[in-house]
Amino acid sequence: MGLSALLELDLPPKIKAKMEAAMTQKNAKELYFQRLLEEKDQ
């Protein structure tokens, strides 16, 4: 299930905010590692 689908559920705003923050953090981490790998390959 995608993030948008999860956020459409009838959840308390606090939980939605926590989930959004967690997803954003996870995406930032993945982008960071991707960049590291790209630099290593060059």
C-alpha atoms as a PDB file:
ATOM      1  CA  MET A   1       0.000   0.000   0.000  1.00  0.00           C
ATOM      2  CA  GLY A   2       1.352   3.398  -0.964  1.00  0.00           C
ATOM      3  CA  LEU A   3       1.742   6.394   1.316  1.00  0.00           C
ATOM      4  CA  SER A   4      -1.184   8.256  -0.253  1.00  0.00           C
ATOM      5  CA  ALA A   5      -3.468   5.282   0.370  1.00  0.00           C
ATOM      6  CA  LEU A   6      -2.330   5.098   3.990  1.00  0.00           C
ATOM      7  CA  LEU A   7      -2.907   8.814   4.510  1.00  0.00           C
ATOM      8  CA  GLU A   8      -6.428   8.532   3.096  1.00  0.00           C
ATOM      9  CA  LEU A   9      -7.335   6.142   5.916  1.00  0.00           C
ATOM     10  CA  ASP A  10      -9.222   7.692   8.804  1.00  0.00           C
ATOM     11  CA  LEU A  11      -6.274   7.991  11.149  1.00  0.00           C
ATOM     12  CA  PRO A  12      -5.627  10.592  13.856  1.00  0.00           C
ATOM     13  CA  PRO A  13      -3.592  13.564  12.563  1.00  0.00           C
ATOM     14  CA  LYS A  14      -0.733  12.792  14.959  1.00  0.00           C
ATOM     15  CA  ILE A  15      -0.291   9.317  13.491  1.00  0.00           C
ATOM     16  CA  LYS A  16      -0.504  10.657   9.928  1.00  0.00           C
ATOM     17  CA  ALA A  17       2.179  13.229  10.698  1.00  0.00           C
ATOM     18  CA  LYS A  18       4.428  10.551  12.205  1.00  0.00           C
ATOM     19  CA  MET A  19       3.980   8.304   9.167  1.00  0.00           C
ATOM     20  CA  GLU A  20       4.698  11.156   6.774  1.00  0.00           C
ATOM     21  CA  ALA A  21       7.850  12.057   8.682  1.00  0.00           C
ATOM     22  CA  ALA A  22       9.014   8.439   8.702  1.00  0.00           C
ATOM     23  CA  MET A  23       8.464   8.069   4.951  1.00  0.00           C
ATOM     24  CA  THR A  24      10.276  11.330   4.228  1.00  0.00           C
ATOM     25  CA  GLN A  25      13.215  10.246   6.376  1.00  0.00           C
ATOM     26  CA  LYS A  26      13.354   6.865   4.639  1.00  0.00           C
ATOM     27  CA  ASN A  27      13.305   8.486   1.189  1.00  0.00           C
ATOM     28  CA  ALA A  28      16.044  10.920   2.174  1.00  0.00           C
ATOM     29  CA  LYS A  29      18.183   8.032   3.411  1.00  0.00           C
ATOM     30  CA  GLU A  30      17.699   6.079   0.181  1.00  0.00           C
ATOM     31  CA  LEU A  31      18.596   9.108  -1.941  1.00  0.00           C
ATOM     32  CA  TYR A  32      21.715   9.654   0.159  1.00  0.00           C
ATOM     33  CA  PHE A  33      22.897   6.063  -0.304  1.00  0.00           C
ATOM     34  CA  GLN A  34      22.138   6.230  -4.028  1.00  0.00           C
ATOM     35  CA  ARG A  35      24.320   9.317  -4.319  1.00  0.00           C
ATOM     36  CA  LEU A  36      27.134   7.632  -2.393  1.00  0.00           C
ATOM     37  CA  LEU A  37      27.016   4.626  -4.713  1.00  0.00           C
ATOM     38  CA  GLU A  38      27.053   6.852  -7.793  1.00  0.00           C
ATOM     39  CA  GLU A  39      30.099   8.743  -6.535  1.00  0.00           C
ATOM     40  CA  LYS A  40      31.876   5.458  -5.796  1.00  0.00           C
ATOM     41  CA  ASP A  41      31.221   4.188  -9.331  1.00  0.00           C
ATOM     42  CA  GLN A  42      32.816   7.188 -10.998  1.00  0.00           C
END
